[in-house]
Amino acid sequence: MSVTGAFQRARWRAFALSVLAVAGLAGWAAWRARGGAEAPGVQGALEQLDDYGLVPAFALTERSGRSVTLDDLRGLVWVADFIYTECRETCPTQSLQVSRLQAEFATEPDLRLVSITVDPERDTPEVLARYAERYRADRERWLFLTGPKRAIYQLAADGFKLSVVDPDDAKQTGGMLRILRPRLAFATHGSKGLVIHSSRFVLVDRQARIRAYHRPDDEPSLERLRRNMKILLRERPKET
């Protein structure tokens, strides 16, 4: 075998190994994104009522076109989640479970359900309004919010401590660097790889404190969510 042939074969072997390595990392990232790296004890701990920090101030646009800020939710108990209307993986499950919570807690005037899109460029108020109709969302009690993408992603990551990956950033970094970063909480892969975002429900109390995180695809977790909601709804607002 010539020196040139041996060199070319070595280069091909190195290339093949690099492809396998990247594929392995991608598989590992997907497994991590689906929550495979979380021990049951960690999951259970985050479902217990505690103080996981304050939700920061925000101003977003509801499907009705009106502005909604954090101050509008003070004094109320609310459940937040992040979705997008083109999602075909976790978002339908999330929205179905929220619709059930809406029905089960229909007599609770101090409860709000807040769904925030992670695809705001597509999910205009009009698009969100059509999506909300699909789940018979009450206009006053179940809010669908959109706004500037940077503000939403910062709110998800820094405010709610949930993982979210901007697809434009993923393209700019080769689709790997942002996926493999340390996760702030739980992440799940979005439909067709469009958006990687957390599917967790976030329970917030009357003082805008995050009190628990729950899974939408796990019935025991949802039962704990219902129990936690009832506890917080029975709490009276503290005097300031």
Protein backbone atom coordinates (compact mmCIF):
# COMPACT_ATOMS: atom_id res chain seq x y z
CA MET A 1 0.00 0.00 0.00
CA SER A 2 1.34 3.43 -0.93
CA VAL A 3 2.01 6.11 1.65
CA THR A 4 -0.71 8.24 0.05
CA GLY A 5 -3.25 5.42 0.25
CA ALA A 6 -2.43 4.73 3.88
CA PHE A 7 -2.78 8.42 4.70
CA GLN A 8 -6.17 8.65 2.97
CA ARG A 9 -7.40 5.54 4.77
CA ALA A 10 -6.28 6.98 8.11
CA ARG A 11 -8.09 10.21 7.37
CA TRP A 12 -11.27 8.29 6.47
CA ARG A 13 -11.05 6.27 9.68
CA ALA A 14 -10.65 9.45 11.73
CA PHE A 15 -13.63 11.02 9.96
CA ALA A 16 -15.79 7.96 10.58
CA LEU A 17 -14.89 7.93 14.26
CA SER A 18 -15.73 11.62 14.57
CA VAL A 19 -19.14 11.02 12.98
CA LEU A 20 -19.83 8.20 15.44
CA ALA A 21 -18.74 10.40 18.33
CA VAL A 22 -21.05 13.22 17.27
CA ALA A 23 -23.92 10.74 16.80
CA GLY A 24 -23.28 9.37 20.28
CA LEU A 25 -23.28 12.86 21.77
CA ALA A 26 -26.50 13.68 19.95
CA GLY A 27 -28.14 10.54 21.31
CA TRP A 28 -26.89 11.34 24.78
CA ALA A 29 -28.23 14.88 24.47
CA ALA A 30 -31.64 13.62 23.38
CA TRP A 31 -31.74 11.17 26.28
CA ARG A 32 -30.75 13.96 28.67
CA ALA A 33 -33.37 16.23 27.13
CA ARG A 34 -36.07 13.66 27.77
CA GLY A 35 -35.16 13.66 31.45
CA GLY A 36 -33.20 10.40 31.44
CA ALA A 37 -30.47 11.85 33.64
CA GLU A 38 -32.77 12.88 36.44
CA ALA A 39 -32.97 10.57 39.41
CA PRO A 40 -36.48 9.90 40.78
CA GLY A 41 -35.52 11.48 44.07
CA VAL A 42 -34.64 14.77 42.36
CA GLN A 43 -37.93 14.78 40.48
CA GLY A 44 -39.91 14.07 43.62
CA ALA A 45 -38.07 16.75 45.57
CA LEU A 46 -39.03 19.46 43.07
CA GLU A 47 -42.67 18.40 43.35
CA GLN A 48 -42.70 19.21 47.06
CA LEU A 49 -43.81 22.68 48.06
CA ASP A 50 -40.78 24.85 48.65
CA ASP A 51 -39.42 28.27 47.64
CA TYR A 52 -37.56 28.05 44.33
CA GLY A 53 -37.23 31.79 43.81
CA LEU A 54 -39.30 34.73 42.63
CA VAL A 55 -40.65 35.09 39.12
CA PRO A 56 -39.07 38.27 37.69
CA ALA A 57 -41.10 41.13 36.29
CA PHE A 58 -42.31 40.68 32.72
CA ALA A 59 -44.70 42.25 30.24
CA LEU A 60 -46.13 40.05 27.48
CA THR A 61 -49.13 40.11 25.14
CA GLU A 62 -52.18 37.94 25.68
CA ARG A 63 -54.08 36.35 22.79
CA SER A 64 -56.76 39.01 23.25
CA GLY A 65 -54.15 41.68 22.49
CA ARG A 66 -54.01 43.08 26.01
CA SER A 67 -50.78 43.41 27.94
CA VAL A 68 -50.21 41.06 30.87
CA THR A 69 -47.55 41.76 33.48
CA LEU A 70 -46.39 40.03 36.63
CA ASP A 71 -48.37 42.56 38.67
CA ASP A 72 -51.58 41.31 37.04
CA LEU A 73 -50.93 37.89 38.59
CA ARG A 74 -49.94 39.00 42.08
CA GLY A 75 -52.37 37.81 44.69
CA LEU A 76 -53.30 34.83 42.50
CA VAL A 77 -52.12 31.22 42.35
CA TRP A 78 -51.06 30.22 38.87
CA VAL A 79 -49.64 27.35 36.86
CA ALA A 80 -47.28 28.28 34.03
CA ASP A 81 -46.01 26.21 31.12
CA PHE A 82 -44.13 26.82 27.87
CA ILE A 83 -45.55 25.56 24.58
CA TYR A 84 -45.80 26.40 20.89
CA THR A 85 -48.70 25.77 18.56
CA GLU A 86 -46.78 23.75 15.95
CA CYS A 87 -45.47 21.33 18.58
CA ARG A 88 -46.63 17.75 18.10
CA GLU A 89 -44.76 16.08 20.94
CA THR A 90 -45.25 17.30 24.50
CA CYS A 91 -47.34 20.44 23.96
CA PRO A 92 -50.64 18.67 23.16
CA THR A 93 -50.24 16.67 26.37
CA GLN A 94 -49.46 19.83 28.33
CA SER A 95 -52.46 21.69 26.96
CA LEU A 96 -54.79 18.74 27.48
CA GLN A 97 -53.74 18.51 31.12
CA VAL A 98 -54.16 22.26 31.60
CA SER A 99 -57.67 22.03 30.13
CA ARG A 100 -58.44 19.36 32.72
CA LEU A 101 -57.12 21.57 35.50
CA GLN A 102 -59.31 24.39 34.18
CA ALA A 103 -62.38 22.16 34.47
CA GLU A 104 -61.47 20.68 37.85
CA PHE A 105 -60.75 24.08 39.43
CA ALA A 106 -63.57 25.95 37.71
CA THR A 107 -64.90 27.25 41.04
CA GLU A 108 -61.57 28.76 42.13
CA PRO A 109 -61.62 32.48 41.22
CA ASP A 110 -58.01 32.99 42.36
CA LEU A 111 -56.48 30.46 39.97
CA ARG A 112 -54.88 31.35 36.65
CA LEU A 113 -53.35 29.09 34.00
CA VAL A 114 -50.60 30.71 31.94
CA SER A 115 -49.24 29.20 28.71
CA ILE A 116 -46.30 31.05 27.12
CA THR A 117 -45.17 30.38 23.56
CA VAL A 118 -41.50 29.67 22.78
CA ASP A 119 -42.17 30.33 19.09
CA PRO A 120 -43.45 33.93 19.25
CA GLU A 121 -42.56 34.81 15.67
CA ARG A 122 -45.12 32.25 14.48
CA ASP A 123 -47.47 32.31 17.46
CA THR A 124 -49.12 35.70 17.10
CA PRO A 125 -52.09 36.59 19.31
CA GLU A 126 -54.38 35.48 16.48
CA VAL A 127 -52.66 32.09 16.17
CA LEU A 128 -52.76 31.60 19.93
CA ALA A 129 -56.46 32.51 19.97
CA ARG A 130 -57.22 29.73 17.50
CA TYR A 131 -55.09 27.30 19.50
CA ALA A 132 -56.87 28.29 22.71
CA GLU A 133 -60.27 27.59 21.14
CA ARG A 134 -59.15 24.03 20.46
CA TYR A 135 -58.92 23.48 24.23
CA ARG A 136 -61.92 25.64 25.16
CA ALA A 137 -59.69 27.92 27.17
CA ASP A 138 -61.50 30.46 29.34
CA ARG A 139 -60.43 33.97 28.29
CA GLU A 140 -60.02 35.22 31.83
CA ARG A 141 -58.65 32.17 33.61
CA TRP A 142 -56.34 30.57 31.00
CA LEU A 143 -53.94 33.07 29.45
CA PHE A 144 -51.86 32.52 26.31
CA LEU A 145 -48.90 34.88 26.13
CA THR A 146 -46.50 35.92 23.39
CA GLY A 147 -43.95 38.70 22.97
CA PRO A 148 -40.31 39.34 22.02
CA LYS A 149 -38.41 36.06 21.72
CA ARG A 150 -35.44 37.28 23.74
CA ALA A 151 -37.68 38.33 26.62
CA ILE A 152 -39.54 35.01 26.61
CA TYR A 153 -36.39 32.90 26.52
CA GLN A 154 -34.82 34.95 29.29
CA LEU A 155 -37.99 34.56 31.36
CA ALA A 156 -37.96 30.78 30.83
CA ALA A 157 -34.25 30.29 31.57
CA ASP A 158 -33.49 32.94 34.19
CA GLY A 159 -36.94 33.37 35.70
CA PHE A 160 -38.46 29.90 35.76
CA LYS A 161 -35.13 27.99 35.66
CA LEU A 162 -36.33 25.91 32.71
CA SER A 163 -34.28 24.85 29.73
CA VAL A 164 -35.06 26.32 26.33
CA VAL A 165 -32.93 26.45 23.20
CA ASP A 166 -33.38 29.08 20.51
CA PRO A 167 -33.30 27.17 17.20
CA ASP A 168 -31.48 30.08 15.55
CA ASP A 169 -28.73 29.87 18.17
CA ALA A 170 -28.51 26.10 17.66
CA LYS A 171 -27.94 26.63 13.93
CA GLN A 172 -25.26 29.22 14.58
CA THR A 173 -23.39 26.85 16.92
CA GLY A 174 -23.73 23.75 14.79
CA GLY A 175 -26.80 22.52 16.67
CA MET A 176 -24.84 21.00 19.56
CA LEU A 177 -23.35 23.53 21.95
CA ARG A 178 -26.57 24.91 23.40
CA ILE A 179 -28.10 21.44 23.62
CA LEU A 180 -25.20 20.07 25.63
CA ARG A 181 -24.98 22.95 28.09
CA PRO A 182 -25.81 22.21 31.74
CA ARG A 183 -29.57 22.22 32.14
CA LEU A 184 -31.25 24.59 34.52
CA ALA A 185 -34.13 22.24 35.18
CA PHE A 186 -35.93 19.77 32.92
CA ALA A 187 -35.99 19.86 29.13
CA THR A 188 -37.85 18.00 26.44
CA HIS A 189 -37.35 17.89 22.71
CA GLY A 190 -39.84 19.86 20.65
CA SER A 191 -41.63 18.74 17.52
CA LYS A 192 -39.37 17.99 14.54
CA GLY A 193 -36.44 19.53 16.37
CA LEU A 194 -37.87 23.04 15.94
CA VAL A 195 -37.62 24.05 19.58
CA ILE A 196 -36.12 22.35 22.59
CA HIS A 197 -38.05 23.44 25.66
CA SER A 198 -39.16 22.27 29.06
CA SER A 199 -42.54 20.60 29.38
CA ARG A 200 -42.75 21.08 33.16
CA PHE A 201 -45.63 22.80 34.87
CA VAL A 202 -44.48 25.52 37.26
CA LEU A 203 -46.64 26.28 40.29
CA VAL A 204 -46.48 29.91 41.46
CA ASP A 205 -48.00 31.33 44.64
CA ARG A 206 -49.72 34.63 45.43
CA GLN A 207 -46.39 36.36 46.12
CA ALA A 208 -45.01 35.30 42.69
CA ARG A 209 -42.75 32.67 44.26
CA ILE A 210 -42.09 29.43 42.41
CA ARG A 211 -43.25 26.67 44.72
CA ALA A 212 -43.00 23.40 42.71
CA TYR A 213 -42.33 21.77 39.32
CA HIS A 214 -44.51 18.97 37.93
CA ARG A 215 -44.53 16.63 34.96
CA PRO A 216 -47.50 16.73 32.54
CA ASP A 217 -47.02 13.10 31.46
CA ASP A 218 -46.99 11.47 34.89
CA GLU A 219 -50.26 10.96 36.75
CA PRO A 220 -48.73 10.77 40.28
CA SER A 221 -46.94 14.05 39.56
CA LEU A 222 -50.20 15.60 38.38
CA GLU A 223 -51.96 14.41 41.51
CA ARG A 224 -49.28 16.08 43.60
CA LEU A 225 -49.78 19.22 41.52
CA ARG A 226 -53.50 19.24 42.29
CA ARG A 227 -52.80 18.75 45.96
CA ASN A 228 -50.25 21.57 45.98
CA MET A 229 -52.63 23.86 44.12
CA LYS A 230 -55.32 23.30 46.74
CA ILE A 231 -52.88 24.08 49.55
CA LEU A 232 -51.78 27.35 47.95
CA LEU A 233 -55.33 28.37 47.11
CA ARG A 234 -56.28 27.97 50.77
CA GLU A 235 -53.42 30.22 51.84
CA ARG A 236 -54.44 33.83 52.38
CA PRO A 237 -52.30 36.63 50.94
CA LYS A 238 -49.78 37.89 53.47
CA GLU A 239 -50.00 41.45 54.70
CA THR A 240 -47.31 43.73 53.24
